[in-house]
Structure formats: structure tokens, C-alpha cells
Amino acid sequence: MGAGRASRLENIRKSKMARSPHAYVRGNTVRYYQWLERVERGALPQGPEIWICGDCHVGNFGPVGNARGKIQIQIRDFDQTVIGNPAHDLIRLSLSLASAARGSDLPGLTTVRMVERIMEGYHGAFAHGFDESRDIEEPAPVRRVAKKAATASWKSLAAEDLEDTNPTLPIGKCFWPLSRQEKRDIERLVADREVHRLATRLRARDDNEEVKLVDAAYWVKGCSSLGRSRYAVLLHVDGNEEDYCLVDLKEAAKASAPHATHAKIRLVAYAARFAAARRADRDRAPICAGVAE
């Protein structure tokens, strides 16, 4: 990434965080964990060592479809995920909700009730006979979000991120042009079998269908991750003239969240295997990919 682009992205990130307390909390994961380090030892509860989100603010929740086709509001950002203390997620979520309430001029009692409900829900999950697969009555706003997600189509998604439904990414505020090297790297990545499968497995497409690169651009998106490489890649899958996939490619980074001590050995062993694979195939790069269609 060029110095000019990196400088512009850093200015955008700072501008976003300056808009409100909630935006600052959302865009500063590193500072959050620095703050926790200064908390007196023993002041935080130590939960079971499990996989946590690591960046569990309200902006990282959204509609996700499960294997049964049901839309649920769940965590959908795992850039910071580690095996760690679940209290870190609960505190970060509570902090983000409290800062959002403050920015919305809601009374302090509203903040208290939100935090209380978070703790009630967490404790309730440990109750005898708790069934996580049971249907829970959802508030009306949650139902509206889930309904909108269930009926989303290429045209509706394009309307959110693009200027129109034409299969191009308009260069401007959100999409920036790529360097020649970036274009070549994305072309090689799209030719990879795993990326091909990522596009064809949606809606049970045939794995043998051809996947074509239609357009690509640098994607100015997010807040705390601004400054890392991120690309919007528009793919077309043969079989339907409107069969497009908008792929979000995001540079992986070391998590700021502290991981459990016992998990370090397993993570180091995995890193060693990954490094060996990287030496065997220099063209592959660690990415996080999300797909919308």
C-alpha cells in the first residue's frame, strides 16, 4: 500500500472516530484492551477459556443465515477472534451500547437496563435445560432487519454499495482504483480453486460453472480496520445474467484481544504449519473473505 493511500485512510479513520463517543469506541479496539490492562488484577471476572469475538461492539452484529435457512442477528466480524475470556466481549458490547445511548441522548436508566439485559441473557445461557436452538421472541426492530435480509437480492445489495445495478464498481468515495500489482494479485486469487468454490456454493451452484472477474477496487470500508488492505471484488457466475457475487477481501491481522495462555501452543503450531504452506506457495496471501449476492 502506498504512503499516500495509507495517510488518507488514517485521516478518514480519525475523522470517523471523532464523530461521537460511540464511533471512537468502535474504531479503537487497541485502546480498549490497553484500558483493560490498567484495571486492577482480579477486578474482572475470569470466564471459561472459549472462542470469543474479541471486538464485540454493536456494529459487528447483523443478520446471518443458518444452515436451516433461518435469519438471526449474530456476530459477523471475527478479525479479533481468539480463545480468551468471554468477559472481554461482554464488557466491550456493554461499552459500545452505553456510548451509543449517550450519543443518542437517551437517559441513563436506558443504559442501565441494556447492560442488565446483557448480563441476564448471558447468565440465562448457563441455566439448567437451556436450549440455544429454541425460538426466542424477537423485538420488532430485529424482526424487520431479519425480514429485509431474507428478501435481499443482487439489486437491493447493489443499491446499498453501488450507484446502480450495472456490474461495475464506481470509483469515488467508497471505491478507489487499484495499482497494477493489486490487479494482478486479485486476478491470481480469483483463479484459485477455493475462491471459485466460495462463489459457486451459494444457492447450490454447480462447482463446474465458470467464475469470471468483472471488476475490482480498493474498498474504503469499516473503521478500526482502515489502513489494512481491503478490496471489493465483483464476480459473475455463469448460468444467470444477474448471478453476481460481491466479495469482500480483507487483510488478516494479529488480534489485539489477549488470548488464553494454554491456547498459545496450539496457535504457534498452527502458525508454523501455515508458514510452511506459505513457503510452498508464495502466491497465496492470508485474507478474510465475505460474500454477498
C-alpha atoms as a PDB file:
ATOM      1  CA  MET A   1       0.000   0.000   0.000  1.00  0.00           C
ATOM      2  CA  GLY A   2       1.388   3.387  -0.995  1.00  0.00           C
ATOM      3  CA  ALA A   3       2.209   6.026   1.609  1.00  0.00           C
ATOM      4  CA  GLY A   4      -0.338   8.408   0.078  1.00  0.00           C
ATOM      5  CA  ARG A   5      -3.193   5.941   0.390  1.00  0.00           C
ATOM      6  CA  ALA A   6      -2.204   4.933   3.916  1.00  0.00           C
ATOM      7  CA  SER A   7      -2.138   8.584   5.024  1.00  0.00           C
ATOM      8  CA  ARG A   8      -5.581   9.260   3.541  1.00  0.00           C
ATOM      9  CA  LEU A   9      -7.044   6.180   5.213  1.00  0.00           C
ATOM     10  CA  GLU A  10      -5.607   7.151   8.598  1.00  0.00           C
ATOM     11  CA  ASN A  11      -7.162  10.619   8.272  1.00  0.00           C
ATOM     12  CA  ILE A  12     -10.526   9.051   7.396  1.00  0.00           C
ATOM     13  CA  ARG A  13     -10.298   6.693  10.385  1.00  0.00           C
ATOM     14  CA  LYS A  14      -9.567   9.562  12.785  1.00  0.00           C
ATOM     15  CA  SER A  15     -12.380  11.639  11.286  1.00  0.00           C
ATOM     16  CA  LYS A  16     -14.843   8.773  11.779  1.00  0.00           C
ATOM     17  CA  MET A  17     -13.809   8.257  15.395  1.00  0.00           C
ATOM     18  CA  ALA A  18     -14.173  11.972  16.147  1.00  0.00           C
ATOM     19  CA  ARG A  19     -17.865  11.980  15.226  1.00  0.00           C
ATOM     20  CA  SER A  20     -19.128  10.598  18.541  1.00  0.00           C
ATOM     21  CA  PRO A  21     -18.123   8.599  21.661  1.00  0.00           C
ATOM     22  CA  HIS A  22     -19.681   5.503  20.073  1.00  0.00           C
ATOM     23  CA  ALA A  23     -17.635   5.918  16.888  1.00  0.00           C
ATOM     24  CA  TYR A  24     -14.478   6.278  18.993  1.00  0.00           C
ATOM     25  CA  VAL A  25     -15.241   3.087  20.920  1.00  0.00           C
ATOM     26  CA  ARG A  26     -15.979   1.237  17.697  1.00  0.00           C
ATOM     27  CA  GLY A  27     -12.806   2.351  15.929  1.00  0.00           C
ATOM     28  CA  ASN A  28     -10.281   1.823  18.720  1.00  0.00           C
ATOM     29  CA  THR A  29     -10.022  -1.837  19.627  1.00  0.00           C
ATOM     30  CA  VAL A  30      -6.369  -1.492  20.646  1.00  0.00           C
ATOM     31  CA  ARG A  31      -7.137   1.305  23.122  1.00  0.00           C
ATOM     32  CA  TYR A  32      -9.934  -0.786  24.654  1.00  0.00           C
ATOM     33  CA  TYR A  33      -7.527  -3.586  25.559  1.00  0.00           C
ATOM     34  CA  GLN A  34      -4.911  -1.093  26.768  1.00  0.00           C
ATOM     35  CA  TRP A  35      -7.571   0.241  29.124  1.00  0.00           C
ATOM     36  CA  LEU A  36      -8.363  -3.281  30.383  1.00  0.00           C
ATOM     37  CA  GLU A  37      -4.661  -3.846  31.106  1.00  0.00           C
ATOM     38  CA  ARG A  38      -4.776  -0.984  33.621  1.00  0.00           C
ATOM     39  CA  VAL A  39      -7.710  -2.496  35.502  1.00  0.00           C
ATOM     40  CA  GLU A  40      -6.707  -3.887  38.896  1.00  0.00           C
ATOM     41  CA  ARG A  41      -5.944  -7.609  38.787  1.00  0.00           C
ATOM     42  CA  GLY A  42      -8.946  -9.633  39.915  1.00  0.00           C
ATOM     43  CA  ALA A  43     -11.431  -6.840  39.192  1.00  0.00           C
ATOM     44  CA  LEU A  44     -12.666  -8.564  36.022  1.00  0.00           C
ATOM     45  CA  PRO A  45     -14.414 -11.933  36.176  1.00  0.00           C
ATOM     46  CA  GLN A  46     -12.478 -14.760  34.567  1.00  0.00           C
ATOM     47  CA  GLY A  47     -14.825 -16.828  32.441  1.00  0.00           C
ATOM     48  CA  PRO A  48     -14.132 -20.160  30.733  1.00  0.00           C
ATOM     49  CA  GLU A  49     -11.461 -20.061  28.024  1.00  0.00           C
ATOM     50  CA  ILE A  50     -13.517 -20.193  24.837  1.00  0.00           C
ATOM     51  CA  TRP A  51     -13.561 -18.667  21.358  1.00  0.00           C
ATOM     52  CA  ILE A  52     -14.601 -15.023  21.705  1.00  0.00           C
ATOM     53  CA  CYS A  53     -15.288 -12.325  19.110  1.00  0.00           C
ATOM     54  CA  GLY A  54     -12.605 -10.041  20.560  1.00  0.00           C
ATOM     55  CA  ASP A  55     -14.249  -6.939  19.063  1.00  0.00           C
ATOM     56  CA  CYS A  56     -17.810  -7.390  20.234  1.00  0.00           C
ATOM     57  CA  HIS A  57     -19.310  -3.946  19.635  1.00  0.00           C
ATOM     58  CA  VAL A  58     -22.871  -3.459  18.414  1.00  0.00           C
ATOM     59  CA  GLY A  59     -21.726  -2.552  14.882  1.00  0.00           C
ATOM     60  CA  ASN A  60     -20.339  -6.074  14.430  1.00  0.00           C
ATOM     61  CA  PHE A  61     -23.777  -7.654  14.811  1.00  0.00           C
ATOM     62  CA  GLY A  62     -26.033  -8.253  11.841  1.00  0.00           C
ATOM     63  CA  PRO A  63     -28.306 -10.718  10.018  1.00  0.00           C
ATOM     64  CA  VAL A  64     -26.768 -14.137   9.347  1.00  0.00           C
ATOM     65  CA  GLY A  65     -28.491 -17.159   7.785  1.00  0.00           C
ATOM     66  CA  ASN A  66     -28.013 -20.528   9.472  1.00  0.00           C
ATOM     67  CA  ALA A  67     -27.986 -23.993   7.898  1.00  0.00           C
ATOM     68  CA  ARG A  68     -31.778 -24.253   8.317  1.00  0.00           C
ATOM     69  CA  GLY A  69     -32.359 -21.071   6.355  1.00  0.00           C
ATOM     70  CA  LYS A  70     -33.395 -19.026   9.391  1.00  0.00           C
ATOM     71  CA  ILE A  71     -32.108 -15.451   9.636  1.00  0.00           C
ATOM     72  CA  GLN A  72     -30.731 -14.491  13.042  1.00  0.00           C
ATOM     73  CA  ILE A  73     -28.909 -11.439  14.373  1.00  0.00           C
ATOM     74  CA  GLN A  74     -25.449 -12.674  15.308  1.00  0.00           C
ATOM     75  CA  ILE A  75     -21.795 -11.639  15.489  1.00  0.00           C
ATOM     76  CA  ARG A  76     -20.423 -11.446  11.958  1.00  0.00           C
ATOM     77  CA  ASP A  77     -16.938  -9.996  12.303  1.00  0.00           C
ATOM     78  CA  PHE A  78     -14.106 -12.194  13.553  1.00  0.00           C
ATOM     79  CA  ASP A  79     -10.983 -10.132  12.806  1.00  0.00           C
ATOM     80  CA  GLN A  80     -10.079 -10.162  16.500  1.00  0.00           C
ATOM     81  CA  THR A  81     -11.284 -13.629  17.446  1.00  0.00           C
ATOM     82  CA  VAL A  82      -9.142 -15.604  19.903  1.00  0.00           C
ATOM     83  CA  ILE A  83      -9.533 -18.229  22.605  1.00  0.00           C
ATOM     84  CA  GLY A  84      -9.919 -15.905  25.556  1.00  0.00           C
ATOM     85  CA  ASN A  85     -12.042 -14.521  28.363  1.00  0.00           C
ATOM     86  CA  PRO A  86     -15.742 -14.038  27.401  1.00  0.00           C
ATOM     87  CA  ALA A  87     -15.908 -11.150  29.884  1.00  0.00           C
ATOM     88  CA  HIS A  88     -13.949  -9.099  27.329  1.00  0.00           C
ATOM     89  CA  ASP A  89     -16.812  -9.484  24.828  1.00  0.00           C
ATOM     90  CA  LEU A  90     -19.491  -8.652  27.401  1.00  0.00           C
ATOM     91  CA  ILE A  91     -17.683  -5.520  28.570  1.00  0.00           C
ATOM     92  CA  ARG A  92     -16.986  -4.314  25.018  1.00  0.00           C
ATOM     93  CA  LEU A  93     -20.602  -4.859  23.969  1.00  0.00           C
ATOM     94  CA  SER A  94     -21.870  -3.060  27.072  1.00  0.00           C
ATOM     95  CA  LEU A  95     -19.448  -0.178  26.491  1.00  0.00           C
ATOM     96  CA  SER A  96     -20.499   0.204  22.857  1.00  0.00           C
ATOM     97  CA  LEU A  97     -24.204   0.189  23.768  1.00  0.00           C
ATOM     98  CA  ALA A  98     -23.621   2.706  26.563  1.00  0.00           C
ATOM     99  CA  SER A  99     -21.675   5.037  24.259  1.00  0.00           C
ATOM    100  CA  ALA A 100     -24.353   4.689  21.545  1.00  0.00           C
ATOM    101  CA  ALA A 101     -27.053   5.561  24.094  1.00  0.00           C
ATOM    102  CA  ARG A 102     -25.084   8.581  25.237  1.00  0.00           C
ATOM    103  CA  GLY A 103     -24.658   9.783  21.661  1.00  0.00           C
ATOM    104  CA  SER A 104     -28.415   9.412  21.132  1.00  0.00           C
ATOM    105  CA  ASP A 105     -29.262  11.490  24.239  1.00  0.00           C
ATOM    106  CA  LEU A 106     -31.043   8.551  25.858  1.00  0.00           C
ATOM    107  CA  PRO A 107     -31.497   8.674  29.659  1.00  0.00           C
ATOM    108  CA  GLY A 108     -29.006   6.899  31.898  1.00  0.00           C
ATOM    109  CA  LEU A 109     -31.700   4.469  33.004  1.00  0.00           C
ATOM    110  CA  THR A 110     -31.839   3.124  29.442  1.00  0.00           C
ATOM    111  CA  THR A 111     -28.136   2.312  29.584  1.00  0.00           C
ATOM    112  CA  VAL A 112     -28.567   0.550  32.930  1.00  0.00           C
ATOM    113  CA  ARG A 113     -31.401  -1.586  31.565  1.00  0.00           C
ATOM    114  CA  MET A 114     -29.435  -2.555  28.440  1.00  0.00           C
ATOM    115  CA  VAL A 115     -26.445  -3.708  30.487  1.00  0.00           C
ATOM    116  CA  GLU A 116     -28.724  -5.598  32.875  1.00  0.00           C
ATOM    117  CA  ARG A 117     -30.366  -7.438  29.965  1.00  0.00           C
ATOM    118  CA  ILE A 118     -26.946  -8.393  28.567  1.00  0.00           C
ATOM    119  CA  MET A 119     -25.982  -9.963  31.883  1.00  0.00           C
ATOM    120  CA  GLU A 120     -29.369 -11.666  32.278  1.00  0.00           C
ATOM    121  CA  GLY A 121     -29.055 -13.193  28.834  1.00  0.00           C
ATOM    122  CA  TYR A 122     -25.524 -14.395  29.463  1.00  0.00           C
ATOM    123  CA  HIS A 123     -26.391 -15.935  32.833  1.00  0.00           C
ATOM    124  CA  GLY A 124     -29.538 -17.464  31.370  1.00  0.00           C
ATOM    125  CA  ALA A 125     -27.491 -19.421  28.839  1.00  0.00           C
ATOM    126  CA  PHE A 126     -25.971 -21.393  31.738  1.00  0.00           C
ATOM    127  CA  ALA A 127     -29.325 -22.280  33.261  1.00  0.00           C
ATOM    128  CA  HIS A 128     -30.267 -25.957  33.500  1.00  0.00           C
ATOM    129  CA  GLY A 129     -32.174 -27.080  30.422  1.00  0.00           C
ATOM    130  CA  PHE A 130     -31.239 -24.044  28.305  1.00  0.00           C
ATOM    131  CA  ASP A 131     -31.856 -24.822  24.620  1.00  0.00           C
ATOM    132  CA  GLU A 132     -29.988 -22.489  22.273  1.00  0.00           C
ATOM    133  CA  SER A 133     -31.940 -23.813  19.273  1.00  0.00           C
ATOM    134  CA  ARG A 134     -35.298 -22.750  20.670  1.00  0.00           C
ATOM    135  CA  ASP A 135     -37.104 -19.824  19.093  1.00  0.00           C
ATOM    136  CA  ILE A 136     -36.822 -16.647  21.138  1.00  0.00           C
ATOM    137  CA  GLU A 137     -39.361 -13.874  20.765  1.00  0.00           C
ATOM    138  CA  GLU A 138     -37.536 -11.091  18.936  1.00  0.00           C
ATOM    139  CA  PRO A 139     -38.235  -7.362  19.243  1.00  0.00           C
ATOM    140  CA  ALA A 140     -39.934  -5.703  16.275  1.00  0.00           C
ATOM    141  CA  PRO A 141     -36.752  -3.897  15.059  1.00  0.00           C
ATOM    142  CA  VAL A 142     -34.865  -7.201  14.987  1.00  0.00           C
ATOM    143  CA  ARG A 143     -37.663  -8.861  13.020  1.00  0.00           C
ATOM    144  CA  ARG A 144     -37.609  -6.029  10.481  1.00  0.00           C
ATOM    145  CA  VAL A 145     -33.852  -6.370   9.952  1.00  0.00           C
ATOM    146  CA  ALA A 146     -34.127 -10.165   9.552  1.00  0.00           C
ATOM    147  CA  LYS A 147     -37.011  -9.814   7.086  1.00  0.00           C
ATOM    148  CA  LYS A 148     -35.071  -7.312   4.988  1.00  0.00           C
ATOM    149  CA  ALA A 149     -32.043  -9.632   4.913  1.00  0.00           C
ATOM    150  CA  ALA A 150     -34.169 -12.646   3.930  1.00  0.00           C
ATOM    151  CA  THR A 151     -35.558 -10.849   0.877  1.00  0.00           C
ATOM    152  CA  ALA A 152     -32.246  -9.287  -0.207  1.00  0.00           C
ATOM    153  CA  SER A 153     -31.266  -9.708  -3.845  1.00  0.00           C
ATOM    154  CA  TRP A 154     -28.408  -8.623  -6.062  1.00  0.00           C
ATOM    155  CA  LYS A 155     -30.307  -5.450  -6.960  1.00  0.00           C
ATOM    156  CA  SER A 156     -31.047  -4.496  -3.352  1.00  0.00           C
ATOM    157  CA  LEU A 157     -27.457  -5.150  -2.250  1.00  0.00           C
ATOM    158  CA  ALA A 158     -26.099  -3.241  -5.239  1.00  0.00           C
ATOM    159  CA  ALA A 159     -28.317  -0.308  -4.320  1.00  0.00           C
ATOM    160  CA  GLU A 160     -26.575  -0.137  -0.916  1.00  0.00           C
ATOM    161  CA  ASP A 161     -22.972  -0.245  -2.144  1.00  0.00           C
ATOM    162  CA  LEU A 162     -23.081   0.769  -5.816  1.00  0.00           C
ATOM    163  CA  GLU A 163     -24.515   3.677  -7.767  1.00  0.00           C
ATOM    164  CA  ASP A 164     -26.767   1.387  -9.806  1.00  0.00           C
ATOM    165  CA  THR A 165     -27.159  -2.286 -10.662  1.00  0.00           C
ATOM    166  CA  ASN A 166     -24.726  -2.194 -13.581  1.00  0.00           C
ATOM    167  CA  PRO A 167     -21.889  -4.661 -12.992  1.00  0.00           C
ATOM    168  CA  THR A 168     -19.167  -2.109 -12.221  1.00  0.00           C
ATOM    169  CA  LEU A 169     -17.673  -0.588  -9.082  1.00  0.00           C
ATOM    170  CA  PRO A 170     -17.860   3.221  -9.369  1.00  0.00           C
ATOM    171  CA  ILE A 171     -14.534   4.836  -8.482  1.00  0.00           C
ATOM    172  CA  GLY A 172     -15.092   7.601  -5.952  1.00  0.00           C
ATOM    173  CA  LYS A 173     -15.550   7.995  -2.199  1.00  0.00           C
ATOM    174  CA  CYS A 174     -16.059   4.307  -1.361  1.00  0.00           C
ATOM    175  CA  PHE A 175     -14.097   2.592  -4.140  1.00  0.00           C
ATOM    176  CA  TRP A 176     -10.553   3.605  -5.066  1.00  0.00           C
ATOM    177  CA  PRO A 177      -8.529   2.456  -8.102  1.00  0.00           C
ATOM    178  CA  LEU A 178      -6.100  -0.437  -7.806  1.00  0.00           C
ATOM    179  CA  SER A 179      -2.421  -0.476  -8.621  1.00  0.00           C
ATOM    180  CA  ARG A 180      -1.247  -2.766 -11.420  1.00  0.00           C
ATOM    181  CA  GLN A 181       0.252  -5.156  -8.874  1.00  0.00           C
ATOM    182  CA  GLU A 182      -3.004  -5.292  -6.916  1.00  0.00           C
ATOM    183  CA  LYS A 183      -4.937  -6.099 -10.102  1.00  0.00           C
ATOM    184  CA  ARG A 184      -2.563  -8.956 -10.930  1.00  0.00           C
ATOM    185  CA  ASP A 185      -2.750 -10.339  -7.398  1.00  0.00           C
ATOM    186  CA  ILE A 186      -6.565 -10.298  -7.403  1.00  0.00           C
ATOM    187  CA  GLU A 187      -6.681 -11.994 -10.803  1.00  0.00           C
ATOM    188  CA  ARG A 188      -4.482 -14.800  -9.441  1.00  0.00           C
ATOM    189  CA  LEU A 189      -6.600 -15.046  -6.293  1.00  0.00           C
ATOM    190  CA  VAL A 190      -9.858 -15.311  -8.250  1.00  0.00           C
ATOM    191  CA  ALA A 191      -8.332 -18.121 -10.295  1.00  0.00           C
ATOM    192  CA  ASP A 192      -7.747 -20.074  -7.066  1.00  0.00           C
ATOM    193  CA  ARG A 193      -9.996 -23.106  -6.647  1.00  0.00           C
ATOM    194  CA  GLU A 194     -11.076 -22.160  -3.122  1.00  0.00           C
ATOM    195  CA  VAL A 195     -12.276 -18.727  -4.215  1.00  0.00           C
ATOM    196  CA  HIS A 196     -14.089 -20.377  -7.123  1.00  0.00           C
ATOM    197  CA  ARG A 197     -15.905 -22.669  -4.675  1.00  0.00           C
ATOM    198  CA  LEU A 198     -16.733 -19.721  -2.425  1.00  0.00           C
ATOM    199  CA  ALA A 199     -18.705 -18.172  -5.285  1.00  0.00           C
ATOM    200  CA  THR A 200     -20.355 -21.336  -6.635  1.00  0.00           C
ATOM    201  CA  ARG A 201     -21.502 -22.835  -3.330  1.00  0.00           C
ATOM    202  CA  LEU A 202     -24.039 -20.015  -2.828  1.00  0.00           C
ATOM    203  CA  ARG A 203     -27.554 -21.138  -3.753  1.00  0.00           C
ATOM    204  CA  ALA A 204     -26.160 -24.593  -4.599  1.00  0.00           C
ATOM    205  CA  ARG A 205     -24.479 -23.503  -7.826  1.00  0.00           C
ATOM    206  CA  ASP A 206     -22.631 -26.135  -9.824  1.00  0.00           C
ATOM    207  CA  ASP A 207     -18.921 -26.200  -8.934  1.00  0.00           C
ATOM    208  CA  ASN A 208     -18.119 -26.560 -12.636  1.00  0.00           C
ATOM    209  CA  GLU A 209     -19.704 -23.244 -13.574  1.00  0.00           C
ATOM    210  CA  GLU A 210     -17.273 -20.609 -14.746  1.00  0.00           C
ATOM    211  CA  VAL A 211     -16.465 -17.739 -12.381  1.00  0.00           C
ATOM    212  CA  LYS A 212     -15.351 -14.508 -14.045  1.00  0.00           C
ATOM    213  CA  LEU A 213     -13.757 -11.416 -12.559  1.00  0.00           C
ATOM    214  CA  VAL A 214     -15.943  -8.474 -13.585  1.00  0.00           C
ATOM    215  CA  ASP A 215     -14.430  -5.606 -11.618  1.00  0.00           C
ATOM    216  CA  ALA A 216     -12.350  -4.875  -8.509  1.00  0.00           C
ATOM    217  CA  ALA A 217     -11.434  -1.834  -6.432  1.00  0.00           C
ATOM    218  CA  TYR A 218      -9.907  -0.850  -3.110  1.00  0.00           C
ATOM    219  CA  TRP A 219     -12.817  -0.664  -0.643  1.00  0.00           C
ATOM    220  CA  VAL A 220     -12.827   2.198   1.865  1.00  0.00           C
ATOM    221  CA  LYS A 221     -14.954   0.495   4.493  1.00  0.00           C
ATOM    222  CA  GLY A 222     -15.050  -0.012   8.247  1.00  0.00           C
ATOM    223  CA  CYS A 223     -13.292   1.994  10.935  1.00  0.00           C
ATOM    224  CA  SER A 224     -10.763   0.209  13.145  1.00  0.00           C
ATOM    225  CA  SER A 225      -9.539  -1.793  10.123  1.00  0.00           C
ATOM    226  CA  LEU A 226      -8.981   1.259   7.906  1.00  0.00           C
ATOM    227  CA  GLY A 227      -5.364   1.204   6.821  1.00  0.00           C
ATOM    228  CA  ARG A 228      -5.255  -2.527   6.139  1.00  0.00           C
ATOM    229  CA  SER A 229      -5.749  -3.848   2.627  1.00  0.00           C
ATOM    230  CA  ARG A 230      -9.402  -4.335   1.715  1.00  0.00           C
ATOM    231  CA  TYR A 231     -10.887  -4.971  -1.711  1.00  0.00           C
ATOM    232  CA  ALA A 232     -14.317  -5.231  -3.306  1.00  0.00           C
ATOM    233  CA  VAL A 233     -14.287  -7.908  -5.995  1.00  0.00           C
ATOM    234  CA  LEU A 234     -17.262  -8.331  -8.307  1.00  0.00           C
ATOM    235  CA  LEU A 235     -17.623 -11.836  -9.764  1.00  0.00           C
ATOM    236  CA  HIS A 236     -20.048 -13.297 -12.284  1.00  0.00           C
ATOM    237  CA  VAL A 237     -21.056 -16.943 -12.197  1.00  0.00           C
ATOM    238  CA  ASP A 238     -22.307 -18.458 -15.476  1.00  0.00           C
ATOM    239  CA  GLY A 239     -25.888 -19.641 -15.538  1.00  0.00           C
ATOM    240  CA  ASN A 240     -27.795 -16.410 -14.944  1.00  0.00           C
ATOM    241  CA  GLU A 241     -27.264 -12.902 -16.276  1.00  0.00           C
ATOM    242  CA  GLU A 242     -27.859 -11.485 -12.788  1.00  0.00           C
ATOM    243  CA  ASP A 243     -25.754 -14.099 -10.993  1.00  0.00           C
ATOM    244  CA  TYR A 244     -23.178 -11.789  -9.409  1.00  0.00           C
ATOM    245  CA  CYS A 245     -21.199 -12.046  -6.192  1.00  0.00           C
ATOM    246  CA  LEU A 246     -19.713  -9.072  -4.382  1.00  0.00           C
ATOM    247  CA  VAL A 247     -16.716 -10.449  -2.471  1.00  0.00           C
ATOM    248  CA  ASP A 248     -15.149  -8.567   0.433  1.00  0.00           C
ATOM    249  CA  LEU A 249     -11.414  -9.371   0.686  1.00  0.00           C
ATOM    250  CA  LYS A 250      -9.817  -8.120   3.879  1.00  0.00           C
ATOM    251  CA  GLU A 251      -6.228  -8.339   5.071  1.00  0.00           C
ATOM    252  CA  ALA A 252      -5.825 -10.539   8.131  1.00  0.00           C
ATOM    253  CA  ALA A 253      -4.051  -9.031  11.127  1.00  0.00           C
ATOM    254  CA  LYS A 254      -2.870 -10.127  14.559  1.00  0.00           C
ATOM    255  CA  ALA A 255      -5.679  -9.866  17.084  1.00  0.00           C
ATOM    256  CA  SER A 256      -5.427  -7.173  19.762  1.00  0.00           C
ATOM    257  CA  ALA A 257      -7.504  -9.285  22.145  1.00  0.00           C
ATOM    258  CA  PRO A 258      -5.411 -11.233  24.697  1.00  0.00           C
ATOM    259  CA  HIS A 259      -5.585 -14.983  24.169  1.00  0.00           C
ATOM    260  CA  ALA A 260      -5.641 -17.718  26.759  1.00  0.00           C
ATOM    261  CA  THR A 261      -2.184 -18.884  27.836  1.00  0.00           C
ATOM    262  CA  HIS A 262      -2.882 -22.556  27.175  1.00  0.00           C
ATOM    263  CA  ALA A 263      -4.028 -21.730  23.630  1.00  0.00           C
ATOM    264  CA  LYS A 264      -0.675 -20.217  22.668  1.00  0.00           C
ATOM    265  CA  ILE A 265       0.974 -23.553  21.926  1.00  0.00           C
ATOM    266  CA  ARG A 266      -1.803 -24.583  19.574  1.00  0.00           C
ATOM    267  CA  LEU A 267      -1.756 -21.203  17.808  1.00  0.00           C
ATOM    268  CA  VAL A 268       2.026 -21.274  17.419  1.00  0.00           C
ATOM    269  CA  ALA A 269       1.849 -24.793  15.998  1.00  0.00           C
ATOM    270  CA  TYR A 270      -0.805 -23.675  13.534  1.00  0.00           C
ATOM    271  CA  ALA A 271       1.296 -20.637  12.585  1.00  0.00           C
ATOM    272  CA  ALA A 272       4.281 -22.909  11.892  1.00  0.00           C
ATOM    273  CA  ARG A 273       2.198 -25.103   9.584  1.00  0.00           C
ATOM    274  CA  PHE A 274       0.829 -22.030   7.851  1.00  0.00           C
ATOM    275  CA  ALA A 275       4.331 -20.604   7.369  1.00  0.00           C
ATOM    276  CA  ALA A 276       5.407 -23.885   5.764  1.00  0.00           C
ATOM    277  CA  ALA A 277       2.448 -23.729   3.409  1.00  0.00           C
ATOM    278  CA  ARG A 278       3.325 -20.116   2.548  1.00  0.00           C
ATOM    279  CA  ARG A 279       6.858 -21.153   1.617  1.00  0.00           C
ATOM    280  CA  ALA A 280       5.417 -23.833  -0.652  1.00  0.00           C
ATOM    281  CA  ASP A 281       3.086 -21.389  -2.409  1.00  0.00           C
ATOM    282  CA  ARG A 282       4.204 -17.750  -2.358  1.00  0.00           C
ATOM    283  CA  ASP A 283       1.173 -16.581  -4.354  1.00  0.00           C
ATOM    284  CA  ARG A 284      -1.265 -17.251  -1.537  1.00  0.00           C
ATOM    285  CA  ALA A 285      -1.992 -14.463   0.948  1.00  0.00           C
ATOM    286  CA  PRO A 286      -3.897 -14.631   4.238  1.00  0.00           C
ATOM    287  CA  ILE A 287      -7.287 -12.993   3.718  1.00  0.00           C
ATOM    288  CA  CYS A 288     -10.687 -12.879   5.262  1.00  0.00           C
ATOM    289  CA  ALA A 289     -13.450 -13.151   2.677  1.00  0.00           C
ATOM    290  CA  GLY A 290     -17.127 -12.413   2.867  1.00  0.00           C
ATOM    291  CA  VAL A 291     -19.614 -12.824   0.042  1.00  0.00           C
ATOM    292  CA  ALA A 292     -22.842 -11.037  -0.794  1.00  0.00           C
ATOM    293  CA  GLU A 293     -25.044 -11.714  -3.770  1.00  0.00           C
END
